Amino acid sequence: MTEEDTSPASKTQRKKAMLDLQALGEELVELSHDLLAKFPLPEILRDAVLEAKRITKHEARRRQGQYIGRLMRDVNIAEIREQLDRIKGKSLELTAFHHRLERWREKLIEDDAELEVFAAEYPDGDVQHVRQLVRNARKERDEQKAPKAFRQLFQVLKEIIPAPENSPHAKSHAIGFLT
């Protein structure tokens, strides 16, 4: 062991560690109740996080954040970080999927040749229905009407294009429902 290993942490290091725990606690507070239920948290910490969700006053919320940070000193932080990273990864995956659907929708509306490319890439899709929605979306755009077909096209593409694994859309896609 070196001298650094045995020396106590400086005040700056302790404060940084405390602020990191508070930030992690704040991420927990921002989660929905359903996602929060998936975390392996002690009951006292879970109660503190739920209480922080109800607090609206700035100073009271700040103090509750400090309390959550203090409680997190006794918890396995690695598990919580891992679970949060998994949730963020799924969220990024789902965002990428929606962007992919939007790109397809834009390409189909802009160029008739893209419908053939789409039909070749997704042969199980209802190309006639997609073609009709594309025509209607173009007409809506040209006449500056409400984008009903534009939105319907997105939903139909969501049914046809496979969603990433483990996303809510993948499960609903497998049983044939829109989410």
N, C-alpha and C. Protein backbone atom coordinates (compact mmCIF):
# COMPACT_ATOMS: atom_id res chain seq x y z
N MET A 1 0.83 -1.19 0.00
CA MET A 1 0.00 0.00 0.00
C MET A 1 0.87 1.25 0.00
N THR A 2 0.43 2.21 -0.73
CA THR A 2 1.15 3.47 -0.75
C THR A 2 0.52 4.43 0.25
N GLU A 3 1.18 5.56 0.42
CA GLU A 3 0.67 6.55 1.36
C GLU A 3 -0.70 7.08 0.92
N GLU A 4 -0.91 7.18 -0.42
CA GLU A 4 -2.18 7.70 -0.94
C GLU A 4 -3.34 6.80 -0.56
N ASP A 5 -3.12 5.48 -0.54
CA ASP A 5 -4.19 4.54 -0.24
C ASP A 5 -4.67 4.65 1.20
N THR A 6 -3.78 4.97 2.11
CA THR A 6 -4.15 5.01 3.53
C THR A 6 -4.61 6.39 3.97
N SER A 7 -4.29 7.41 3.21
CA SER A 7 -4.68 8.77 3.63
C SER A 7 -6.18 8.96 3.40
N PRO A 8 -6.83 9.72 4.28
CA PRO A 8 -8.27 9.95 4.11
C PRO A 8 -8.52 10.85 2.88
N ALA A 9 -9.71 10.73 2.33
CA ALA A 9 -10.08 11.54 1.17
C ALA A 9 -10.12 13.01 1.58
N SER A 10 -9.72 13.86 0.65
CA SER A 10 -9.76 15.29 0.93
C SER A 10 -11.21 15.76 0.98
N LYS A 11 -11.40 16.94 1.51
CA LYS A 11 -12.74 17.50 1.60
C LYS A 11 -13.34 17.65 0.20
N THR A 12 -12.53 18.04 -0.77
CA THR A 12 -12.99 18.20 -2.15
C THR A 12 -13.45 16.86 -2.72
N GLN A 13 -12.68 15.81 -2.45
CA GLN A 13 -13.04 14.48 -2.95
C GLN A 13 -14.34 13.99 -2.30
N ARG A 14 -14.49 14.21 -1.01
CA ARG A 14 -15.72 13.80 -0.32
C ARG A 14 -16.92 14.56 -0.87
N LYS A 15 -16.74 15.87 -1.12
CA LYS A 15 -17.84 16.68 -1.63
C LYS A 15 -18.23 16.23 -3.04
N LYS A 16 -17.24 15.92 -3.86
CA LYS A 16 -17.53 15.44 -5.21
C LYS A 16 -18.29 14.11 -5.16
N ALA A 17 -17.86 13.21 -4.30
CA ALA A 17 -18.55 11.92 -4.16
C ALA A 17 -19.99 12.13 -3.70
N MET A 18 -20.20 13.07 -2.76
CA MET A 18 -21.54 13.37 -2.27
C MET A 18 -22.41 13.94 -3.40
N LEU A 19 -21.85 14.86 -4.19
CA LEU A 19 -22.61 15.46 -5.29
C LEU A 19 -22.93 14.41 -6.36
N ASP A 20 -22.02 13.48 -6.59
CA ASP A 20 -22.27 12.39 -7.54
C ASP A 20 -23.45 11.53 -7.08
N LEU A 21 -23.48 11.23 -5.78
CA LEU A 21 -24.58 10.43 -5.23
C LEU A 21 -25.91 11.20 -5.34
N GLN A 22 -25.87 12.51 -5.09
CA GLN A 22 -27.08 13.32 -5.21
C GLN A 22 -27.58 13.34 -6.66
N ALA A 23 -26.64 13.45 -7.61
CA ALA A 23 -27.01 13.45 -9.03
C ALA A 23 -27.63 12.12 -9.42
N LEU A 24 -27.06 11.04 -8.92
CA LEU A 24 -27.62 9.72 -9.19
C LEU A 24 -29.01 9.60 -8.57
N GLY A 25 -29.17 10.13 -7.38
CA GLY A 25 -30.48 10.15 -6.73
C GLY A 25 -31.49 10.95 -7.53
N GLU A 26 -31.05 12.06 -8.09
CA GLU A 26 -31.94 12.89 -8.92
C GLU A 26 -32.39 12.13 -10.17
N GLU A 27 -31.50 11.33 -10.74
CA GLU A 27 -31.89 10.50 -11.88
C GLU A 27 -32.98 9.51 -11.48
N LEU A 28 -32.88 8.98 -10.27
CA LEU A 28 -33.91 8.07 -9.78
C LEU A 28 -35.24 8.80 -9.61
N VAL A 29 -35.17 10.03 -9.12
CA VAL A 29 -36.39 10.82 -8.91
C VAL A 29 -37.08 11.09 -10.24
N GLU A 30 -36.33 11.25 -11.31
CA GLU A 30 -36.89 11.56 -12.62
C GLU A 30 -37.55 10.36 -13.29
N LEU A 31 -37.30 9.16 -12.79
CA LEU A 31 -37.88 7.96 -13.39
C LEU A 31 -39.37 7.85 -13.09
N SER A 32 -40.07 7.15 -13.95
CA SER A 32 -41.49 6.88 -13.69
C SER A 32 -41.60 5.88 -12.54
N HIS A 33 -42.78 5.78 -11.98
CA HIS A 33 -43.00 4.85 -10.87
C HIS A 33 -42.76 3.40 -11.32
N ASP A 34 -43.16 3.07 -12.54
CA ASP A 34 -42.97 1.70 -13.05
C ASP A 34 -41.49 1.35 -13.16
N LEU A 35 -40.71 2.27 -13.72
CA LEU A 35 -39.27 2.00 -13.85
C LEU A 35 -38.59 1.97 -12.49
N LEU A 36 -39.01 2.83 -11.59
CA LEU A 36 -38.42 2.87 -10.26
C LEU A 36 -38.65 1.56 -9.51
N ALA A 37 -39.78 0.93 -9.77
CA ALA A 37 -40.10 -0.34 -9.10
C ALA A 37 -39.12 -1.44 -9.48
N LYS A 38 -38.45 -1.30 -10.62
CA LYS A 38 -37.50 -2.32 -11.08
C LYS A 38 -36.14 -2.23 -10.39
N PHE A 39 -35.91 -1.16 -9.66
CA PHE A 39 -34.61 -0.96 -9.02
C PHE A 39 -34.56 -1.65 -7.66
N PRO A 40 -33.42 -2.28 -7.36
CA PRO A 40 -33.25 -2.95 -6.06
C PRO A 40 -32.87 -1.94 -4.99
N LEU A 41 -33.84 -1.18 -4.51
CA LEU A 41 -33.57 -0.13 -3.53
C LEU A 41 -34.11 -0.54 -2.17
N PRO A 42 -33.41 -0.16 -1.10
CA PRO A 42 -33.97 -0.37 0.24
C PRO A 42 -35.25 0.47 0.37
N GLU A 43 -36.14 0.03 1.21
CA GLU A 43 -37.44 0.70 1.35
C GLU A 43 -37.30 2.16 1.75
N ILE A 44 -36.37 2.47 2.65
CA ILE A 44 -36.21 3.85 3.11
C ILE A 44 -35.77 4.76 1.96
N LEU A 45 -34.90 4.25 1.08
CA LEU A 45 -34.45 5.04 -0.07
C LEU A 45 -35.59 5.20 -1.08
N ARG A 46 -36.32 4.13 -1.32
CA ARG A 46 -37.45 4.20 -2.26
C ARG A 46 -38.48 5.22 -1.75
N ASP A 47 -38.76 5.21 -0.47
CA ASP A 47 -39.69 6.17 0.11
C ASP A 47 -39.19 7.61 -0.04
N ALA A 48 -37.89 7.80 0.16
CA ALA A 48 -37.30 9.15 0.03
C ALA A 48 -37.40 9.64 -1.42
N VAL A 49 -37.18 8.73 -2.38
CA VAL A 49 -37.27 9.10 -3.80
C VAL A 49 -38.72 9.44 -4.14
N LEU A 50 -39.65 8.64 -3.67
CA LEU A 50 -41.07 8.92 -3.94
C LEU A 50 -41.51 10.24 -3.31
N GLU A 51 -40.99 10.52 -2.12
CA GLU A 51 -41.30 11.79 -1.45
C GLU A 51 -40.74 12.96 -2.27
N ALA A 52 -39.54 12.80 -2.81
CA ALA A 52 -38.93 13.86 -3.62
C ALA A 52 -39.76 14.16 -4.86
N LYS A 53 -40.41 13.14 -5.41
CA LYS A 53 -41.27 13.34 -6.58
C LYS A 53 -42.44 14.26 -6.25
N ARG A 54 -42.91 14.21 -5.00
CA ARG A 54 -44.07 15.00 -4.59
C ARG A 54 -43.70 16.44 -4.22
N ILE A 55 -42.45 16.68 -3.88
CA ILE A 55 -42.02 18.00 -3.41
C ILE A 55 -41.88 18.96 -4.58
N THR A 56 -42.47 20.15 -4.43
CA THR A 56 -42.40 21.14 -5.51
C THR A 56 -41.55 22.35 -5.16
N LYS A 57 -41.39 22.63 -3.89
CA LYS A 57 -40.60 23.78 -3.47
C LYS A 57 -39.11 23.50 -3.71
N HIS A 58 -38.41 24.47 -4.28
CA HIS A 58 -37.02 24.30 -4.66
C HIS A 58 -36.12 23.91 -3.48
N GLU A 59 -36.19 24.66 -2.43
CA GLU A 59 -35.29 24.41 -1.29
C GLU A 59 -35.60 23.07 -0.62
N ALA A 60 -36.86 22.76 -0.50
CA ALA A 60 -37.25 21.48 0.11
C ALA A 60 -36.78 20.32 -0.76
N ARG A 61 -36.88 20.48 -2.06
CA ARG A 61 -36.43 19.43 -2.99
C ARG A 61 -34.90 19.28 -2.91
N ARG A 62 -34.19 20.38 -2.78
CA ARG A 62 -32.73 20.33 -2.66
C ARG A 62 -32.34 19.56 -1.40
N ARG A 63 -33.00 19.86 -0.30
CA ARG A 63 -32.70 19.16 0.96
C ARG A 63 -33.04 17.68 0.85
N GLN A 64 -34.14 17.37 0.18
CA GLN A 64 -34.51 15.96 0.00
C GLN A 64 -33.47 15.26 -0.88
N GLY A 65 -32.93 15.98 -1.85
CA GLY A 65 -31.87 15.42 -2.69
C GLY A 65 -30.62 15.10 -1.87
N GLN A 66 -30.30 15.99 -0.93
CA GLN A 66 -29.16 15.73 -0.05
C GLN A 66 -29.43 14.50 0.82
N TYR A 67 -30.65 14.38 1.29
CA TYR A 67 -31.01 13.22 2.12
C TYR A 67 -30.90 11.93 1.30
N ILE A 68 -31.38 11.97 0.07
CA ILE A 68 -31.28 10.80 -0.81
C ILE A 68 -29.80 10.45 -1.03
N GLY A 69 -28.98 11.46 -1.27
CA GLY A 69 -27.54 11.21 -1.44
C GLY A 69 -26.93 10.56 -0.21
N ARG A 70 -27.34 11.01 0.97
CA ARG A 70 -26.83 10.43 2.21
C ARG A 70 -27.27 8.97 2.33
N LEU A 71 -28.52 8.68 1.98
CA LEU A 71 -29.01 7.30 2.04
C LEU A 71 -28.30 6.39 1.03
N MET A 72 -27.88 6.97 -0.08
CA MET A 72 -27.26 6.17 -1.14
C MET A 72 -25.85 5.73 -0.77
N ARG A 73 -25.30 6.29 0.28
CA ARG A 73 -23.97 5.84 0.71
C ARG A 73 -23.98 4.37 1.11
N ASP A 74 -25.14 3.87 1.55
CA ASP A 74 -25.25 2.50 2.05
C ASP A 74 -25.81 1.53 1.01
N VAL A 75 -25.88 1.96 -0.23
CA VAL A 75 -26.50 1.14 -1.28
C VAL A 75 -25.44 0.77 -2.32
N ASN A 76 -25.65 -0.37 -3.00
CA ASN A 76 -24.76 -0.80 -4.07
C ASN A 76 -25.00 0.11 -5.29
N ILE A 77 -24.16 1.10 -5.44
CA ILE A 77 -24.29 2.10 -6.50
C ILE A 77 -24.08 1.47 -7.88
N ALA A 78 -23.20 0.49 -7.97
CA ALA A 78 -22.90 -0.14 -9.27
C ALA A 78 -24.16 -0.74 -9.88
N GLU A 79 -24.98 -1.41 -9.07
CA GLU A 79 -26.23 -2.01 -9.57
C GLU A 79 -27.17 -0.93 -10.10
N ILE A 80 -27.28 0.15 -9.36
CA ILE A 80 -28.18 1.23 -9.77
C ILE A 80 -27.70 1.87 -11.07
N ARG A 81 -26.41 2.14 -11.15
CA ARG A 81 -25.86 2.74 -12.38
C ARG A 81 -26.07 1.81 -13.57
N GLU A 82 -25.84 0.52 -13.36
CA GLU A 82 -26.02 -0.45 -14.44
C GLU A 82 -27.46 -0.46 -14.93
N GLN A 83 -28.41 -0.47 -14.01
CA GLN A 83 -29.83 -0.46 -14.36
C GLN A 83 -30.19 0.83 -15.10
N LEU A 84 -29.70 1.97 -14.62
CA LEU A 84 -29.97 3.25 -15.30
C LEU A 84 -29.37 3.26 -16.71
N ASP A 85 -28.16 2.72 -16.87
CA ASP A 85 -27.54 2.66 -18.18
C ASP A 85 -28.36 1.79 -19.13
N ARG A 86 -28.90 0.69 -18.61
CA ARG A 86 -29.74 -0.17 -19.43
C ARG A 86 -30.99 0.57 -19.89
N ILE A 87 -31.59 1.31 -18.98
CA ILE A 87 -32.80 2.06 -19.33
C ILE A 87 -32.47 3.13 -20.36
N LYS A 88 -31.37 3.85 -20.16
CA LYS A 88 -30.97 4.89 -21.11
C LYS A 88 -30.66 4.27 -22.47
N GLY A 89 -30.02 3.10 -22.47
CA GLY A 89 -29.70 2.42 -23.73
C GLY A 89 -30.95 2.06 -24.49
N LYS A 90 -31.97 1.56 -23.80
CA LYS A 90 -33.23 1.22 -24.45
C LYS A 90 -33.88 2.48 -25.00
N SER A 91 -33.79 3.55 -24.24
CA SER A 91 -34.38 4.80 -24.67
C SER A 91 -33.68 5.30 -25.95
N LEU A 92 -32.36 5.22 -25.98
CA LEU A 92 -31.62 5.63 -27.17
C LEU A 92 -31.96 4.73 -28.35
N GLU A 93 -32.10 3.44 -28.09
CA GLU A 93 -32.45 2.49 -29.13
C GLU A 93 -33.83 2.82 -29.71
N LEU A 94 -34.76 3.11 -28.84
CA LEU A 94 -36.11 3.44 -29.27
C LEU A 94 -36.13 4.77 -30.05
N THR A 95 -35.35 5.72 -29.62
CA THR A 95 -35.25 7.00 -30.33
C THR A 95 -34.68 6.77 -31.73
N ALA A 96 -33.66 5.95 -31.83
CA ALA A 96 -33.07 5.64 -33.14
C ALA A 96 -34.11 4.95 -34.04
N PHE A 97 -34.92 4.07 -33.46
CA PHE A 97 -35.96 3.38 -34.23
C PHE A 97 -36.97 4.39 -34.77
N HIS A 98 -37.39 5.34 -33.93
CA HIS A 98 -38.35 6.35 -34.39
C HIS A 98 -37.75 7.24 -35.48
N HIS A 99 -36.48 7.56 -35.34
CA HIS A 99 -35.82 8.36 -36.38
C HIS A 99 -35.78 7.58 -37.69
N ARG A 100 -35.55 6.29 -37.60
CA ARG A 100 -35.53 5.44 -38.80
C ARG A 100 -36.91 5.45 -39.47
N LEU A 101 -37.96 5.34 -38.68
CA LEU A 101 -39.31 5.39 -39.24
C LEU A 101 -39.58 6.74 -39.90
N GLU A 102 -39.15 7.81 -39.25
CA GLU A 102 -39.36 9.15 -39.81
C GLU A 102 -38.61 9.33 -41.13
N ARG A 103 -37.37 8.79 -41.18
CA ARG A 103 -36.60 8.90 -42.43
C ARG A 103 -37.30 8.15 -43.56
N TRP A 104 -37.82 6.95 -43.26
CA TRP A 104 -38.54 6.20 -44.28
C TRP A 104 -39.77 6.98 -44.74
N ARG A 105 -40.50 7.54 -43.81
CA ARG A 105 -41.70 8.28 -44.16
C ARG A 105 -41.35 9.45 -45.08
N GLU A 106 -40.32 10.21 -44.73
CA GLU A 106 -39.91 11.35 -45.56
C GLU A 106 -39.46 10.90 -46.95
N LYS A 107 -38.66 9.83 -47.00
CA LYS A 107 -38.18 9.33 -48.31
C LYS A 107 -39.35 8.87 -49.17
N LEU A 108 -40.31 8.18 -48.58
CA LEU A 108 -41.46 7.69 -49.34
C LEU A 108 -42.30 8.85 -49.87
N ILE A 109 -42.47 9.89 -49.08
CA ILE A 109 -43.28 11.02 -49.52
C ILE A 109 -42.55 11.82 -50.61
N GLU A 110 -41.24 11.92 -50.51
CA GLU A 110 -40.48 12.72 -51.46
C GLU A 110 -40.22 12.05 -52.80
N ASP A 111 -40.13 10.71 -52.83
CA ASP A 111 -39.68 10.04 -54.06
C ASP A 111 -40.45 8.73 -54.26
N ASP A 112 -41.11 8.60 -55.43
CA ASP A 112 -41.86 7.38 -55.75
C ASP A 112 -40.96 6.16 -55.85
N ALA A 113 -39.72 6.34 -56.26
CA ALA A 113 -38.80 5.21 -56.41
C ALA A 113 -38.51 4.54 -55.06
N GLU A 114 -38.62 5.30 -53.99
CA GLU A 114 -38.35 4.75 -52.66
C GLU A 114 -39.36 3.68 -52.26
N LEU A 115 -40.56 3.73 -52.84
CA LEU A 115 -41.57 2.73 -52.52
C LEU A 115 -41.11 1.34 -53.00
N GLU A 116 -40.45 1.29 -54.14
CA GLU A 116 -39.91 0.02 -54.64
C GLU A 116 -38.80 -0.49 -53.72
N VAL A 117 -37.94 0.41 -53.27
CA VAL A 117 -36.87 0.04 -52.35
C VAL A 117 -37.48 -0.48 -51.04
N PHE A 118 -38.51 0.21 -50.57
CA PHE A 118 -39.18 -0.19 -49.34
C PHE A 118 -39.82 -1.58 -49.50
N ALA A 119 -40.50 -1.79 -50.64
CA ALA A 119 -41.16 -3.08 -50.89
C ALA A 119 -40.15 -4.21 -50.96
N ALA A 120 -38.98 -3.94 -51.52
CA ALA A 120 -37.94 -4.97 -51.61
C ALA A 120 -37.36 -5.28 -50.23
N GLU A 121 -37.20 -4.25 -49.41
CA GLU A 121 -36.61 -4.45 -48.08
C GLU A 121 -37.60 -5.07 -47.09
N TYR A 122 -38.89 -4.76 -47.25
CA TYR A 122 -39.92 -5.28 -46.35
C TYR A 122 -41.03 -5.93 -47.18
N PRO A 123 -40.77 -7.12 -47.73
CA PRO A 123 -41.73 -7.76 -48.63
C PRO A 123 -43.05 -8.16 -47.95
N ASP A 124 -43.08 -8.29 -46.63
CA ASP A 124 -44.31 -8.67 -45.94
C ASP A 124 -45.25 -7.50 -45.71
N GLY A 125 -44.78 -6.29 -45.99
CA GLY A 125 -45.60 -5.10 -45.75
C GLY A 125 -46.67 -4.93 -46.81
N ASP A 126 -47.74 -4.26 -46.46
CA ASP A 126 -48.84 -3.97 -47.38
C ASP A 126 -48.47 -2.73 -48.20
N VAL A 127 -47.84 -2.97 -49.36
CA VAL A 127 -47.32 -1.89 -50.19
C VAL A 127 -48.45 -1.01 -50.74
N GLN A 128 -49.58 -1.63 -51.08
CA GLN A 128 -50.71 -0.84 -51.59
C GLN A 128 -51.20 0.16 -50.56
N HIS A 129 -51.30 -0.28 -49.33
CA HIS A 129 -51.76 0.61 -48.26
C HIS A 129 -50.75 1.75 -48.05
N VAL A 130 -49.47 1.40 -48.07
CA VAL A 130 -48.42 2.41 -47.91
C VAL A 130 -48.49 3.41 -49.07
N ARG A 131 -48.65 2.90 -50.29
CA ARG A 131 -48.74 3.77 -51.47
C ARG A 131 -49.90 4.75 -51.33
N GLN A 132 -51.06 4.24 -50.90
CA GLN A 132 -52.24 5.10 -50.73
C GLN A 132 -52.00 6.18 -49.67
N LEU A 133 -51.38 5.78 -48.56
CA LEU A 133 -51.10 6.76 -47.50
C LEU A 133 -50.09 7.80 -47.97
N VAL A 134 -49.11 7.39 -48.77
CA VAL A 134 -48.13 8.33 -49.31
C VAL A 134 -48.83 9.36 -50.20
N ARG A 135 -49.71 8.87 -51.07
CA ARG A 135 -50.46 9.79 -51.95
C ARG A 135 -51.29 10.77 -51.12
N ASN A 136 -51.98 10.24 -50.11
CA ASN A 136 -52.82 11.11 -49.27
C ASN A 136 -51.97 12.12 -48.49
N ALA A 137 -50.81 11.68 -48.01
CA ALA A 137 -49.92 12.59 -47.27
C ALA A 137 -49.42 13.70 -48.17
N ARG A 138 -49.09 13.38 -49.40
CA ARG A 138 -48.64 14.41 -50.35
C ARG A 138 -49.77 15.42 -50.61
N LYS A 139 -50.98 14.87 -50.79
CA LYS A 139 -52.13 15.73 -51.06
C LYS A 139 -52.38 16.66 -49.86
N GLU A 140 -52.31 16.11 -48.65
CA GLU A 140 -52.48 16.93 -47.44
C GLU A 140 -51.43 18.03 -47.37
N ARG A 141 -50.20 17.67 -47.69
CA ARG A 141 -49.11 18.65 -47.64
C ARG A 141 -49.36 19.76 -48.65
N ASP A 142 -49.72 19.38 -49.89
CA ASP A 142 -49.92 20.36 -50.95
C ASP A 142 -51.11 21.28 -50.67
N GLU A 143 -52.15 20.72 -50.04
CA GLU A 143 -53.34 21.51 -49.75
C GLU A 143 -53.30 22.12 -48.35
N GLN A 144 -52.20 21.92 -47.66
CA GLN A 144 -51.98 22.44 -46.31
C GLN A 144 -53.12 22.05 -45.36
N LYS A 145 -53.47 20.76 -45.42
CA LYS A 145 -54.50 20.22 -44.53
C LYS A 145 -53.84 19.56 -43.33
N ALA A 146 -54.65 19.15 -42.39
CA ALA A 146 -54.14 18.44 -41.20
C ALA A 146 -53.46 17.14 -41.66
N PRO A 147 -52.33 16.80 -41.04
CA PRO A 147 -51.53 15.65 -41.51
C PRO A 147 -52.03 14.29 -41.02
N LYS A 148 -53.26 13.96 -41.31
CA LYS A 148 -53.84 12.70 -40.86
C LYS A 148 -53.13 11.50 -41.52
N ALA A 149 -53.03 11.50 -42.83
CA ALA A 149 -52.38 10.38 -43.54
C ALA A 149 -50.89 10.33 -43.21
N PHE A 150 -50.29 11.49 -43.00
CA PHE A 150 -48.88 11.57 -42.62
C PHE A 150 -48.65 10.79 -41.32
N ARG A 151 -49.55 10.98 -40.35
CA ARG A 151 -49.45 10.26 -39.07
C ARG A 151 -49.78 8.79 -39.23
N GLN A 152 -50.79 8.49 -40.04
CA GLN A 152 -51.16 7.10 -40.28
C GLN A 152 -50.01 6.34 -40.95
N LEU A 153 -49.31 7.00 -41.84
CA LEU A 153 -48.18 6.38 -42.51
C LEU A 153 -47.11 5.97 -41.50
N PHE A 154 -46.86 6.83 -40.54
CA PHE A 154 -45.89 6.51 -39.50
C PHE A 154 -46.33 5.26 -38.74
N GLN A 155 -47.60 5.18 -38.37
CA GLN A 155 -48.11 4.03 -37.62
C GLN A 155 -48.02 2.74 -38.45
N VAL A 156 -48.32 2.82 -39.73
CA VAL A 156 -48.24 1.65 -40.59
C VAL A 156 -46.78 1.21 -40.74
N LEU A 157 -45.88 2.17 -40.88
CA LEU A 157 -44.45 1.82 -40.96
C LEU A 157 -43.99 1.17 -39.66
N LYS A 158 -44.52 1.62 -38.54
CA LYS A 158 -44.16 1.04 -37.25
C LYS A 158 -44.60 -0.43 -37.17
N GLU A 159 -45.72 -0.75 -37.84
CA GLU A 159 -46.18 -2.14 -37.89
C GLU A 159 -45.31 -2.99 -38.79
N ILE A 160 -44.83 -2.42 -39.87
CA ILE A 160 -44.10 -3.18 -40.88
C ILE A 160 -42.63 -3.36 -40.52
N ILE A 161 -41.98 -2.29 -40.11
CA ILE A 161 -40.54 -2.31 -39.83
C ILE A 161 -40.33 -2.90 -38.44
N PRO A 162 -39.47 -3.91 -38.33
CA PRO A 162 -39.26 -4.54 -37.01
C PRO A 162 -38.61 -3.58 -36.02
N ALA A 163 -39.16 -3.58 -34.83
CA ALA A 163 -38.63 -2.74 -33.75
C ALA A 163 -37.41 -3.41 -33.14
N PRO A 164 -36.54 -2.63 -32.48
CA PRO A 164 -35.39 -3.23 -31.82
C PRO A 164 -35.83 -4.19 -30.73
N GLU A 165 -35.00 -5.16 -30.45
CA GLU A 165 -35.30 -6.14 -29.40
C GLU A 165 -35.50 -5.44 -28.07
N ASN A 166 -36.34 -6.00 -27.23
CA ASN A 166 -36.59 -5.55 -25.85
C ASN A 166 -37.25 -4.17 -25.77
N SER A 167 -37.76 -3.65 -26.87
CA SER A 167 -38.45 -2.37 -26.76
C SER A 167 -39.94 -2.64 -26.63
N PRO A 168 -40.69 -1.71 -26.10
CA PRO A 168 -42.14 -1.91 -25.99
C PRO A 168 -42.77 -2.16 -27.35
N HIS A 169 -42.21 -1.56 -28.41
CA HIS A 169 -42.77 -1.74 -29.75
C HIS A 169 -42.52 -3.14 -30.27
N ALA A 170 -41.42 -3.76 -29.87
CA ALA A 170 -41.10 -5.11 -30.33
C ALA A 170 -42.16 -6.07 -29.81
N LYS A 171 -42.59 -5.91 -28.57
CA LYS A 171 -43.60 -6.79 -28.00
C LYS A 171 -44.94 -6.58 -28.67
N SER A 172 -45.32 -5.33 -28.87
CA SER A 172 -46.61 -5.06 -29.48
C SER A 172 -46.59 -5.45 -30.95
N HIS A 173 -45.43 -5.32 -31.60
CA HIS A 173 -45.30 -5.68 -33.01
C HIS A 173 -45.50 -7.18 -33.16
N ALA A 174 -44.97 -7.93 -32.20
CA ALA A 174 -45.05 -9.38 -32.27
C ALA A 174 -46.50 -9.86 -32.17
N ILE A 175 -47.35 -9.15 -31.45
CA ILE A 175 -48.74 -9.59 -31.33
C ILE A 175 -49.68 -8.79 -32.22
N GLY A 176 -49.13 -7.87 -32.99
CA GLY A 176 -49.90 -7.19 -34.01
C GLY A 176 -50.67 -5.97 -33.57
N PHE A 177 -50.35 -5.39 -32.44
CA PHE A 177 -51.04 -4.19 -31.98
C PHE A 177 -50.14 -2.99 -32.16
N LEU A 178 -50.76 -1.83 -32.34
CA LEU A 178 -50.01 -0.58 -32.34
C LEU A 178 -49.83 -0.14 -30.91
N THR A 179 -48.70 0.51 -30.64
CA THR A 179 -48.50 1.04 -29.30
C THR A 179 -48.76 2.51 -29.30
